[in-house]
N, C-alpha and C. Protein backbone atom coordinates (compact mmCIF):
# COMPACT_ATOMS: atom_id res chain seq x y z
N MET A 1 59.70 -35.34 -82.60
CA MET A 1 58.37 -35.90 -82.82
C MET A 1 58.17 -37.02 -81.80
N ASP A 2 57.06 -36.97 -81.06
CA ASP A 2 56.80 -38.00 -80.06
C ASP A 2 55.79 -39.02 -80.58
N VAL A 3 55.40 -39.92 -79.70
CA VAL A 3 54.52 -41.03 -80.08
C VAL A 3 53.17 -40.52 -80.60
N ALA A 4 52.57 -39.56 -79.91
CA ALA A 4 51.26 -39.05 -80.34
C ALA A 4 51.35 -38.43 -81.74
N ASP A 5 52.43 -37.68 -82.01
CA ASP A 5 52.61 -37.10 -83.34
C ASP A 5 52.74 -38.20 -84.39
N ARG A 6 53.50 -39.22 -84.07
CA ARG A 6 53.70 -40.33 -85.01
C ARG A 6 52.38 -41.05 -85.31
N ILE A 7 51.61 -41.27 -84.26
CA ILE A 7 50.32 -41.94 -84.44
C ILE A 7 49.41 -41.10 -85.33
N ALA A 8 49.35 -39.79 -85.05
CA ALA A 8 48.50 -38.90 -85.85
C ALA A 8 48.95 -38.92 -87.31
N LYS A 9 50.24 -38.90 -87.55
CA LYS A 9 50.75 -38.93 -88.92
C LYS A 9 50.47 -40.29 -89.58
N THR A 10 50.62 -41.38 -88.82
CA THR A 10 50.35 -42.71 -89.34
C THR A 10 48.90 -42.83 -89.81
N PHE A 11 48.00 -42.25 -89.02
CA PHE A 11 46.58 -42.31 -89.37
C PHE A 11 46.19 -41.22 -90.36
N GLY A 12 47.15 -40.40 -90.81
CA GLY A 12 46.87 -39.36 -91.80
C GLY A 12 45.88 -38.33 -91.27
N MET A 13 46.11 -37.87 -90.05
CA MET A 13 45.16 -36.97 -89.41
C MET A 13 45.33 -35.54 -89.90
N THR A 14 44.66 -35.24 -91.00
CA THR A 14 44.59 -33.88 -91.53
C THR A 14 43.55 -33.10 -90.73
N ASP A 15 43.41 -31.81 -91.03
CA ASP A 15 42.37 -31.00 -90.37
C ASP A 15 40.99 -31.62 -90.58
N GLU A 16 40.72 -32.03 -91.81
CA GLU A 16 39.43 -32.65 -92.13
C GLU A 16 39.25 -33.96 -91.36
N ALA A 17 40.30 -34.77 -91.28
CA ALA A 17 40.21 -36.05 -90.57
C ALA A 17 39.93 -35.81 -89.08
N TRP A 18 40.58 -34.80 -88.47
CA TRP A 18 40.30 -34.50 -87.06
C TRP A 18 38.84 -34.09 -86.87
N GLN A 19 38.32 -33.28 -87.80
CA GLN A 19 36.92 -32.85 -87.67
C GLN A 19 35.96 -34.03 -87.85
N ARG A 20 36.28 -34.95 -88.73
CA ARG A 20 35.45 -36.13 -88.90
C ARG A 20 35.57 -37.06 -87.69
N HIS A 21 36.78 -37.17 -87.16
CA HIS A 21 37.00 -38.03 -85.99
C HIS A 21 36.30 -37.46 -84.76
N ALA A 22 36.06 -36.16 -84.74
CA ALA A 22 35.35 -35.54 -83.62
C ALA A 22 33.86 -35.87 -83.61
N ASN A 23 33.38 -36.46 -84.68
CA ASN A 23 31.98 -36.89 -84.71
C ASN A 23 31.79 -37.96 -83.62
N PRO A 24 30.79 -37.81 -82.76
CA PRO A 24 30.59 -38.81 -81.70
C PRO A 24 30.47 -40.24 -82.23
N TRP A 25 29.92 -40.42 -83.43
CA TRP A 25 29.85 -41.77 -84.00
C TRP A 25 31.25 -42.35 -84.19
N SER A 26 32.19 -41.52 -84.58
CA SER A 26 33.57 -41.98 -84.74
C SER A 26 34.15 -42.41 -83.39
N VAL A 27 33.95 -41.57 -82.39
CA VAL A 27 34.50 -41.86 -81.06
C VAL A 27 33.92 -43.15 -80.51
N TRP A 28 32.59 -43.27 -80.52
CA TRP A 28 31.96 -44.43 -79.88
C TRP A 28 32.17 -45.71 -80.67
N THR A 29 32.26 -45.62 -82.00
CA THR A 29 32.51 -46.85 -82.76
C THR A 29 33.97 -47.30 -82.60
N ARG A 30 34.87 -46.39 -82.31
CA ARG A 30 36.25 -46.81 -82.00
C ARG A 30 36.28 -47.55 -80.67
N PHE A 31 35.53 -47.06 -79.69
CA PHE A 31 35.44 -47.80 -78.43
C PHE A 31 34.85 -49.19 -78.66
N ALA A 32 33.89 -49.28 -79.56
CA ALA A 32 33.25 -50.57 -79.85
C ALA A 32 34.22 -51.56 -80.48
N THR A 33 35.29 -51.07 -81.08
CA THR A 33 36.25 -51.99 -81.69
C THR A 33 37.06 -52.77 -80.65
N ILE A 34 37.10 -52.28 -79.42
CA ILE A 34 37.90 -52.99 -78.40
C ILE A 34 37.38 -54.41 -78.19
N PRO A 35 36.10 -54.60 -77.84
CA PRO A 35 35.65 -56.00 -77.68
C PRO A 35 35.68 -56.78 -78.99
N LEU A 36 35.47 -56.09 -80.12
CA LEU A 36 35.55 -56.80 -81.41
C LEU A 36 36.96 -57.31 -81.67
N MET A 37 37.97 -56.49 -81.36
CA MET A 37 39.35 -56.94 -81.55
C MET A 37 39.68 -58.10 -80.60
N LEU A 38 39.24 -57.99 -79.35
CA LEU A 38 39.51 -59.07 -78.39
C LEU A 38 38.87 -60.37 -78.86
N LEU A 39 37.63 -60.28 -79.28
CA LEU A 39 36.94 -61.48 -79.78
C LEU A 39 37.61 -62.02 -81.03
N SER A 40 38.04 -61.14 -81.91
CA SER A 40 38.72 -61.57 -83.13
C SER A 40 40.00 -62.33 -82.81
N ILE A 41 40.77 -61.80 -81.87
CA ILE A 41 42.02 -62.48 -81.49
C ILE A 41 41.72 -63.79 -80.78
N TRP A 42 40.74 -63.77 -79.88
CA TRP A 42 40.37 -64.98 -79.14
C TRP A 42 39.87 -66.08 -80.10
N SER A 43 39.27 -65.66 -81.21
CA SER A 43 38.68 -66.63 -82.14
C SER A 43 39.73 -67.56 -82.75
N ARG A 44 41.01 -67.27 -82.54
CA ARG A 44 42.04 -68.18 -83.06
C ARG A 44 41.88 -69.58 -82.50
N THR A 45 41.27 -69.68 -81.31
CA THR A 45 41.06 -71.01 -80.71
C THR A 45 39.95 -71.77 -81.43
N TRP A 46 39.06 -71.07 -82.10
CA TRP A 46 37.93 -71.72 -82.77
C TRP A 46 38.16 -71.88 -84.26
N ILE A 47 38.79 -70.85 -84.88
CA ILE A 47 38.89 -70.88 -86.34
C ILE A 47 40.33 -70.80 -86.85
N GLY A 48 41.29 -70.89 -85.93
CA GLY A 48 42.70 -70.92 -86.32
C GLY A 48 43.14 -69.66 -87.04
N TRP A 49 43.91 -69.88 -88.13
CA TRP A 49 44.46 -68.74 -88.87
C TRP A 49 43.38 -67.87 -89.52
N TRP A 50 42.19 -68.39 -89.69
CA TRP A 50 41.10 -67.59 -90.24
C TRP A 50 40.78 -66.40 -89.34
N SER A 51 41.23 -66.45 -88.11
CA SER A 51 40.99 -65.33 -87.19
C SER A 51 41.68 -64.05 -87.67
N LEU A 52 42.65 -64.21 -88.56
CA LEU A 52 43.31 -63.02 -89.09
C LEU A 52 42.36 -62.16 -89.93
N LEU A 53 41.31 -62.78 -90.48
CA LEU A 53 40.34 -62.01 -91.26
C LEU A 53 39.58 -61.00 -90.39
N PRO A 54 38.97 -61.43 -89.27
CA PRO A 54 38.30 -60.41 -88.45
C PRO A 54 39.30 -59.44 -87.81
N VAL A 55 40.49 -59.90 -87.45
CA VAL A 55 41.51 -58.99 -86.92
C VAL A 55 41.84 -57.94 -87.96
N GLY A 56 42.05 -58.37 -89.20
CA GLY A 56 42.34 -57.43 -90.29
C GLY A 56 41.20 -56.46 -90.53
N ALA A 57 39.97 -56.95 -90.44
CA ALA A 57 38.81 -56.07 -90.63
C ALA A 57 38.77 -54.98 -89.56
N VAL A 58 39.08 -55.34 -88.32
CA VAL A 58 39.09 -54.35 -87.24
C VAL A 58 40.20 -53.33 -87.49
N VAL A 59 41.38 -53.79 -87.89
CA VAL A 59 42.50 -52.88 -88.16
C VAL A 59 42.14 -51.92 -89.30
N VAL A 60 41.55 -52.43 -90.35
CA VAL A 60 41.12 -51.57 -91.46
C VAL A 60 40.11 -50.54 -90.96
N TRP A 61 39.16 -50.97 -90.15
CA TRP A 61 38.17 -50.04 -89.61
C TRP A 61 38.84 -48.94 -88.78
N LEU A 62 39.86 -49.28 -88.00
CA LEU A 62 40.55 -48.27 -87.20
C LEU A 62 41.19 -47.19 -88.08
N PHE A 63 41.65 -47.56 -89.27
CA PHE A 63 42.22 -46.58 -90.19
C PHE A 63 41.14 -45.79 -90.92
N VAL A 64 40.03 -46.44 -91.25
CA VAL A 64 38.94 -45.78 -91.99
C VAL A 64 38.11 -44.89 -91.06
N ASN A 65 37.94 -45.31 -89.83
CA ASN A 65 37.04 -44.66 -88.89
C ASN A 65 37.19 -43.14 -88.80
N PRO A 66 38.39 -42.58 -88.66
CA PRO A 66 38.47 -41.12 -88.52
C PRO A 66 37.99 -40.34 -89.73
N ARG A 67 37.72 -41.01 -90.82
CA ARG A 67 37.25 -40.33 -92.03
C ARG A 67 35.84 -40.76 -92.43
N ALA A 68 35.23 -41.65 -91.69
CA ALA A 68 33.98 -42.29 -92.12
C ALA A 68 32.72 -41.49 -91.80
N PHE A 69 32.81 -40.49 -90.96
CA PHE A 69 31.62 -39.78 -90.51
C PHE A 69 31.69 -38.31 -90.89
N PRO A 70 30.53 -37.65 -90.93
CA PRO A 70 30.54 -36.22 -91.29
C PRO A 70 31.38 -35.41 -90.30
N PRO A 71 32.03 -34.35 -90.79
CA PRO A 71 32.87 -33.54 -89.91
C PRO A 71 32.05 -32.75 -88.90
N VAL A 72 32.67 -32.50 -87.78
CA VAL A 72 32.09 -31.64 -86.74
C VAL A 72 32.88 -30.34 -86.76
N ARG A 73 32.22 -29.27 -87.15
CA ARG A 73 32.91 -27.97 -87.26
C ARG A 73 32.90 -27.22 -85.92
N GLU A 74 31.86 -27.41 -85.15
CA GLU A 74 31.74 -26.76 -83.84
C GLU A 74 31.50 -27.84 -82.79
N PRO A 75 32.51 -28.15 -81.98
CA PRO A 75 32.36 -29.26 -81.02
C PRO A 75 31.42 -28.92 -79.87
N ARG A 76 30.26 -29.55 -79.86
CA ARG A 76 29.28 -29.31 -78.79
C ARG A 76 29.15 -30.52 -77.87
N SER A 77 29.35 -31.71 -78.41
CA SER A 77 29.19 -32.90 -77.59
C SER A 77 30.46 -33.16 -76.78
N TRP A 78 30.31 -33.95 -75.74
CA TRP A 78 31.43 -34.31 -74.88
C TRP A 78 32.54 -34.96 -75.71
N ALA A 79 32.16 -35.89 -76.58
CA ALA A 79 33.15 -36.61 -77.40
C ALA A 79 33.86 -35.66 -78.36
N ALA A 80 33.11 -34.79 -79.00
CA ALA A 80 33.72 -33.85 -79.97
C ALA A 80 34.69 -32.90 -79.27
N ARG A 81 34.31 -32.38 -78.11
CA ARG A 81 35.23 -31.50 -77.37
C ARG A 81 36.49 -32.25 -76.97
N GLY A 82 36.33 -33.52 -76.61
CA GLY A 82 37.49 -34.32 -76.25
C GLY A 82 38.45 -34.51 -77.42
N ILE A 83 37.92 -34.76 -78.60
CA ILE A 83 38.78 -34.96 -79.77
C ILE A 83 39.42 -33.64 -80.19
N TYR A 84 38.67 -32.55 -80.14
CA TYR A 84 39.27 -31.25 -80.44
C TYR A 84 40.38 -30.93 -79.43
N GLY A 85 40.17 -31.28 -78.18
CA GLY A 85 41.20 -31.07 -77.17
C GLY A 85 42.42 -31.94 -77.40
N GLU A 86 42.19 -33.18 -77.85
CA GLU A 86 43.32 -34.06 -78.17
C GLU A 86 44.15 -33.46 -79.29
N ARG A 87 43.48 -32.88 -80.26
CA ARG A 87 44.19 -32.24 -81.37
C ARG A 87 45.04 -31.07 -80.86
N VAL A 88 44.49 -30.27 -79.96
CA VAL A 88 45.25 -29.17 -79.36
C VAL A 88 46.47 -29.72 -78.65
N TRP A 89 46.29 -30.79 -77.90
CA TRP A 89 47.38 -31.40 -77.15
C TRP A 89 48.47 -31.92 -78.09
N VAL A 90 48.09 -32.55 -79.19
CA VAL A 90 49.07 -33.05 -80.15
C VAL A 90 49.85 -31.88 -80.77
N GLN A 91 49.16 -30.77 -81.02
CA GLN A 91 49.80 -29.63 -81.67
C GLN A 91 50.68 -28.82 -80.73
N ASP A 92 50.28 -28.69 -79.45
CA ASP A 92 51.04 -27.84 -78.53
C ASP A 92 50.87 -28.32 -77.10
N ARG A 93 51.79 -29.15 -76.65
CA ARG A 93 51.73 -29.73 -75.30
C ARG A 93 51.86 -28.67 -74.21
N ASP A 94 52.46 -27.52 -74.54
CA ASP A 94 52.66 -26.47 -73.54
C ASP A 94 51.34 -25.88 -73.03
N LEU A 95 50.26 -26.10 -73.76
CA LEU A 95 48.96 -25.60 -73.32
C LEU A 95 48.39 -26.39 -72.15
N VAL A 96 48.96 -27.57 -71.89
CA VAL A 96 48.46 -28.42 -70.81
C VAL A 96 49.18 -28.06 -69.52
N PRO A 97 48.42 -27.65 -68.49
CA PRO A 97 49.05 -27.31 -67.21
C PRO A 97 49.75 -28.52 -66.59
N PRO A 98 50.78 -28.28 -65.77
CA PRO A 98 51.56 -29.38 -65.20
C PRO A 98 50.73 -30.43 -64.46
N ASP A 99 49.72 -30.01 -63.68
CA ASP A 99 48.93 -31.00 -62.95
C ASP A 99 48.15 -31.91 -63.90
N HIS A 100 47.71 -31.37 -65.02
CA HIS A 100 47.00 -32.18 -66.00
C HIS A 100 47.97 -33.10 -66.76
N ARG A 101 49.20 -32.65 -66.96
CA ARG A 101 50.20 -33.52 -67.58
C ARG A 101 50.43 -34.75 -66.72
N LYS A 102 50.48 -34.54 -65.40
CA LYS A 102 50.67 -35.67 -64.49
C LYS A 102 49.53 -36.67 -64.63
N VAL A 103 48.31 -36.16 -64.70
CA VAL A 103 47.15 -37.04 -64.83
C VAL A 103 47.21 -37.77 -66.17
N LEU A 104 47.56 -37.05 -67.24
CA LEU A 104 47.65 -37.70 -68.55
C LEU A 104 48.72 -38.79 -68.55
N ARG A 105 49.85 -38.54 -67.88
CA ARG A 105 50.89 -39.58 -67.77
C ARG A 105 50.36 -40.78 -66.98
N LEU A 106 49.62 -40.51 -65.91
CA LEU A 106 49.02 -41.59 -65.13
C LEU A 106 48.06 -42.41 -65.99
N LEU A 107 47.28 -41.73 -66.81
CA LEU A 107 46.32 -42.43 -67.66
C LEU A 107 47.02 -43.27 -68.72
N VAL A 108 48.14 -42.78 -69.24
CA VAL A 108 48.93 -43.58 -70.18
C VAL A 108 49.46 -44.82 -69.47
N ALA A 109 49.95 -44.64 -68.24
CA ALA A 109 50.45 -45.78 -67.46
C ALA A 109 49.34 -46.80 -67.21
N LEU A 110 48.15 -46.31 -66.86
CA LEU A 110 47.02 -47.22 -66.66
C LEU A 110 46.69 -47.97 -67.95
N GLY A 111 46.73 -47.25 -69.07
CA GLY A 111 46.47 -47.90 -70.36
C GLY A 111 47.49 -48.98 -70.67
N VAL A 112 48.76 -48.71 -70.36
CA VAL A 112 49.81 -49.71 -70.60
C VAL A 112 49.57 -50.93 -69.71
N ILE A 113 49.22 -50.70 -68.46
CA ILE A 113 48.91 -51.82 -67.56
C ILE A 113 47.72 -52.62 -68.10
N GLY A 114 46.69 -51.90 -68.55
CA GLY A 114 45.52 -52.56 -69.11
C GLY A 114 45.87 -53.39 -70.33
N PHE A 115 46.69 -52.83 -71.22
CA PHE A 115 47.11 -53.59 -72.40
C PHE A 115 47.94 -54.80 -72.01
N GLY A 116 48.77 -54.65 -71.00
CA GLY A 116 49.54 -55.80 -70.51
C GLY A 116 48.63 -56.91 -70.03
N MET A 117 47.59 -56.53 -69.29
CA MET A 117 46.64 -57.54 -68.81
C MET A 117 45.89 -58.19 -69.98
N ILE A 118 45.51 -57.38 -70.95
CA ILE A 118 44.84 -57.92 -72.14
C ILE A 118 45.76 -58.92 -72.84
N PHE A 119 47.01 -58.53 -73.02
CA PHE A 119 47.98 -59.41 -73.67
C PHE A 119 48.09 -60.74 -72.92
N TRP A 120 48.25 -60.65 -71.61
CA TRP A 120 48.34 -61.84 -70.77
C TRP A 120 47.09 -62.71 -70.95
N GLY A 121 45.92 -62.07 -70.86
CA GLY A 121 44.67 -62.81 -70.98
C GLY A 121 44.50 -63.47 -72.32
N LEU A 122 44.90 -62.78 -73.40
CA LEU A 122 44.74 -63.36 -74.73
C LEU A 122 45.74 -64.48 -74.99
N VAL A 123 46.95 -64.34 -74.47
CA VAL A 123 47.94 -65.41 -74.65
C VAL A 123 47.54 -66.64 -73.85
N ALA A 124 47.16 -66.42 -72.61
CA ALA A 124 46.81 -67.54 -71.72
C ALA A 124 45.37 -68.01 -71.90
N LEU A 125 44.61 -67.30 -72.71
CA LEU A 125 43.18 -67.58 -72.89
C LEU A 125 42.46 -67.58 -71.54
N GLU A 126 42.71 -66.53 -70.78
CA GLU A 126 42.06 -66.32 -69.49
C GLU A 126 41.11 -65.13 -69.63
N VAL A 127 39.87 -65.34 -69.23
CA VAL A 127 38.86 -64.31 -69.39
C VAL A 127 39.09 -63.12 -68.46
N TRP A 128 39.35 -63.38 -67.17
CA TRP A 128 39.37 -62.27 -66.21
C TRP A 128 40.43 -61.22 -66.51
N PRO A 129 41.70 -61.59 -66.86
CA PRO A 129 42.65 -60.51 -67.15
C PRO A 129 42.31 -59.78 -68.46
N THR A 130 41.71 -60.50 -69.40
CA THR A 130 41.32 -59.87 -70.66
C THR A 130 40.24 -58.84 -70.41
N VAL A 131 39.20 -59.22 -69.71
CA VAL A 131 38.09 -58.30 -69.43
C VAL A 131 38.52 -57.17 -68.50
N PHE A 132 39.27 -57.50 -67.46
CA PHE A 132 39.72 -56.47 -66.53
C PHE A 132 40.66 -55.49 -67.24
N GLY A 133 41.58 -56.01 -68.04
CA GLY A 133 42.49 -55.14 -68.80
C GLY A 133 41.74 -54.24 -69.76
N ALA A 134 40.75 -54.79 -70.44
CA ALA A 134 39.94 -53.98 -71.36
C ALA A 134 39.19 -52.89 -70.60
N THR A 135 38.69 -53.23 -69.42
CA THR A 135 37.99 -52.24 -68.61
C THR A 135 38.93 -51.11 -68.19
N VAL A 136 40.14 -51.46 -67.78
CA VAL A 136 41.13 -50.45 -67.41
C VAL A 136 41.45 -49.55 -68.60
N VAL A 137 41.64 -50.15 -69.77
CA VAL A 137 41.94 -49.36 -70.97
C VAL A 137 40.79 -48.41 -71.29
N VAL A 138 39.56 -48.90 -71.25
CA VAL A 138 38.41 -48.07 -71.58
C VAL A 138 38.26 -46.93 -70.57
N VAL A 139 38.37 -47.23 -69.29
CA VAL A 139 38.25 -46.18 -68.26
C VAL A 139 39.34 -45.14 -68.45
N ALA A 140 40.57 -45.57 -68.67
CA ALA A 140 41.67 -44.63 -68.87
C ALA A 140 41.44 -43.77 -70.11
N GLN A 141 40.95 -44.39 -71.17
CA GLN A 141 40.71 -43.62 -72.40
C GLN A 141 39.55 -42.65 -72.23
N LEU A 142 38.49 -43.07 -71.56
CA LEU A 142 37.38 -42.15 -71.31
C LEU A 142 37.83 -40.96 -70.47
N TRP A 143 38.66 -41.22 -69.48
CA TRP A 143 39.18 -40.15 -68.64
C TRP A 143 40.07 -39.21 -69.47
N ARG A 144 40.88 -39.78 -70.39
CA ARG A 144 41.70 -38.95 -71.27
C ARG A 144 40.82 -38.05 -72.13
N VAL A 145 39.78 -38.61 -72.71
CA VAL A 145 38.87 -37.82 -73.54
C VAL A 145 38.27 -36.69 -72.71
N ASP A 146 37.91 -37.00 -71.48
CA ASP A 146 37.35 -35.97 -70.59
C ASP A 146 38.37 -34.86 -70.34
N ARG A 147 39.61 -35.24 -70.05
CA ARG A 147 40.68 -34.24 -69.82
C ARG A 147 40.91 -33.41 -71.07
N PHE A 148 40.90 -34.05 -72.22
CA PHE A 148 41.09 -33.30 -73.46
C PHE A 148 39.93 -32.35 -73.71
N GLY A 149 38.72 -32.77 -73.35
CA GLY A 149 37.57 -31.87 -73.46
C GLY A 149 37.75 -30.65 -72.58
N TRP A 150 38.27 -30.85 -71.38
CA TRP A 150 38.57 -29.74 -70.48
C TRP A 150 39.59 -28.81 -71.13
N LEU A 151 40.61 -29.40 -71.75
CA LEU A 151 41.64 -28.60 -72.42
C LEU A 151 41.03 -27.75 -73.53
N TRP A 152 40.13 -28.35 -74.30
CA TRP A 152 39.47 -27.62 -75.38
C TRP A 152 38.67 -26.45 -74.80
N GLU A 153 37.91 -26.70 -73.76
CA GLU A 153 37.10 -25.63 -73.15
C GLU A 153 38.00 -24.51 -72.61
N ARG A 154 39.10 -24.89 -72.00
CA ARG A 154 40.05 -23.90 -71.45
C ARG A 154 40.63 -23.05 -72.58
N ARG A 155 41.03 -23.70 -73.65
CA ARG A 155 41.59 -22.95 -74.79
C ARG A 155 40.55 -22.03 -75.40
N ARG A 156 39.35 -22.52 -75.53
CA ARG A 156 38.28 -21.70 -76.12
C ARG A 156 37.97 -20.50 -75.25
N ALA A 157 37.98 -20.68 -73.91
CA ALA A 157 37.71 -19.59 -72.98
C ALA A 157 38.80 -18.52 -73.06
N HIS A 158 40.05 -18.95 -73.26
CA HIS A 158 41.15 -17.99 -73.35
C HIS A 158 41.12 -17.21 -74.65
N ARG A 159 40.54 -17.78 -75.69
CA ARG A 159 40.45 -17.09 -76.98
C ARG A 159 39.34 -16.06 -76.98
N SER A 160 38.33 -16.26 -76.14
CA SER A 160 37.16 -15.36 -76.14
C SER A 160 37.47 -14.03 -75.49
């Protein structure tokens, strides 16, 4: 079991949860949690330990989010195809061609670099590494969703 499998199990990603998470509202509101989490953590400078309340609220939302919206049974939107493709990837990595695996590894590396910059920015209370790191994370994640959407389309074409 790898990291992606563990994450899916941690979030209780059943078939129904994946279909609900494929709702574009789920995808875009998860992206919206990034600046909310950053602001919540940064707020420790203004409200001290009370900042744990908004941090906790964001964490709770991240667990509730994949189940909060109506399920998507037929992925038509870009976001829905991306989530359906992510599910395919979690279930069977062999479906991903080697060149796409390289890109996905690159995107994970970019995400790690972005998180490192975010961490640095939040610890040092520096705006530029926080914002730049968040931008890197968002771009890498959007690119991953796009790649997963391609994977979904490829799988669907092979089934037809």
